[in-house]
Amino acid sequence: MVTDGDLAMREAIRVVFQNSLHCLCSWHFHQNARENVKHSKFLEDFNSLIYANYTADKFEIEWKRVVDDYDLSNHKWVKKAYEMKTMW
């Protein structure tokens, strides 16, 4: 299932479709990034990250680099996005 990540929708999918894989719509995810992080260069790098085909280790290295480059390690939305990375 691909959705915009709405919390009520996530819970309903978890309850009703217990064996399904729930992913975030990349368009909505990018729009949320634009609304929450007002930094165009970060958004370019973020967009590259969500579409990249990295190994888990390489992703972690690149994520840390991007977050550090733009000093966003304490940014609320960036932290939440990282926590949801399995849904990308």
Protein backbone atom coordinates (compact mmCIF):
# COMPACT_ATOMS: atom_id res chain seq x y z
CA MET A 1 0.00 0.00 0.00
CA VAL A 2 1.25 3.43 -0.89
CA THR A 3 -0.20 6.41 0.99
CA ASP A 4 0.67 9.94 2.04
CA GLY A 5 1.59 8.69 5.53
CA ASP A 6 -1.51 9.91 7.37
CA LEU A 7 -1.41 8.52 10.92
CA ALA A 8 -5.01 7.26 10.87
CA MET A 9 -4.38 5.57 7.52
CA ARG A 10 -1.21 3.94 8.85
CA GLU A 11 -3.09 2.52 11.82
CA ALA A 12 -5.98 1.29 9.67
CA ILE A 13 -3.58 -0.46 7.29
CA ARG A 14 -1.75 -2.04 10.22
CA VAL A 15 -5.03 -3.39 11.65
CA VAL A 16 -6.96 -4.32 8.50
CA PHE A 17 -4.17 -5.37 6.15
CA GLN A 18 -1.80 -6.98 8.62
CA ASN A 19 0.37 -8.71 6.00
CA SER A 20 0.70 -5.76 3.65
CA LEU A 21 3.71 -3.55 3.10
CA HIS A 22 2.91 0.11 3.68
CA CYS A 23 5.09 2.66 1.89
CA LEU A 24 5.05 6.42 1.66
CA CYS A 25 4.21 8.07 -1.63
CA SER A 26 7.46 9.69 -2.76
CA TRP A 27 5.66 12.74 -4.16
CA HIS A 28 3.91 13.42 -0.84
CA PHE A 29 7.09 12.70 1.07
CA HIS A 30 9.03 15.22 -0.99
CA GLN A 31 6.24 17.79 -0.60
CA ASN A 32 6.39 17.31 3.17
CA ALA A 33 10.13 17.85 3.06
CA ARG A 34 9.64 21.10 1.11
CA GLU A 35 7.07 22.34 3.63
CA ASN A 36 9.17 21.47 6.65
CA VAL A 37 12.75 22.14 5.57
CA LYS A 38 13.23 25.42 3.75
CA HIS A 39 16.63 24.67 2.25
CA SER A 40 16.79 24.05 -1.50
CA LYS A 41 20.18 22.32 -1.50
CA PHE A 42 19.07 19.96 1.27
CA LEU A 43 15.95 19.17 -0.74
CA GLU A 44 18.06 18.27 -3.77
CA ASP A 45 20.23 15.93 -1.69
CA PHE A 46 17.19 14.54 0.14
CA ASN A 47 15.49 13.81 -3.16
CA SER A 48 18.59 11.95 -4.32
CA LEU A 49 18.61 9.93 -1.10
CA ILE A 50 15.01 8.78 -1.32
CA TYR A 51 15.48 7.56 -4.90
CA ALA A 52 18.96 6.10 -4.50
CA ASN A 53 19.67 2.40 -4.64
CA TYR A 54 22.16 2.25 -1.77
CA THR A 55 23.07 -0.60 0.50
CA ALA A 56 21.90 0.01 4.07
CA ASP A 57 25.44 0.92 5.14
CA LYS A 58 25.94 3.35 2.26
CA PHE A 59 22.56 4.96 2.95
CA GLU A 60 23.49 5.54 6.59
CA ILE A 61 26.76 7.20 5.55
CA GLU A 62 25.04 9.41 2.98
CA TRP A 63 22.17 10.31 5.32
CA LYS A 64 24.60 11.40 8.03
CA ARG A 65 26.60 13.42 5.52
CA VAL A 66 23.54 15.26 4.23
CA VAL A 67 22.13 15.94 7.68
CA ASP A 68 25.51 17.15 8.93
CA ASP A 69 26.17 19.26 5.82
CA TYR A 70 22.99 21.26 6.45
CA ASP A 71 23.17 21.16 10.27
CA LEU A 72 19.79 19.43 10.56
CA SER A 73 20.56 16.72 13.13
CA ASN A 74 18.13 18.31 15.61
CA HIS A 75 15.45 19.25 13.09
CA LYS A 76 12.16 17.66 14.19
CA TRP A 77 10.89 16.74 10.72
CA VAL A 78 14.27 15.39 9.55
CA LYS A 79 14.50 13.17 12.64
CA LYS A 80 10.95 11.88 12.07
CA ALA A 81 11.66 11.23 8.39
CA TYR A 82 14.71 9.18 9.31
CA GLU A 83 12.68 7.13 11.80
CA MET A 84 10.26 6.27 8.98
CA LYS A 85 12.97 5.34 6.46
CA THR A 86 11.71 1.76 6.15
CA MET A 87 8.53 3.19 4.60
CA TRP A 88 10.29 5.18 1.85
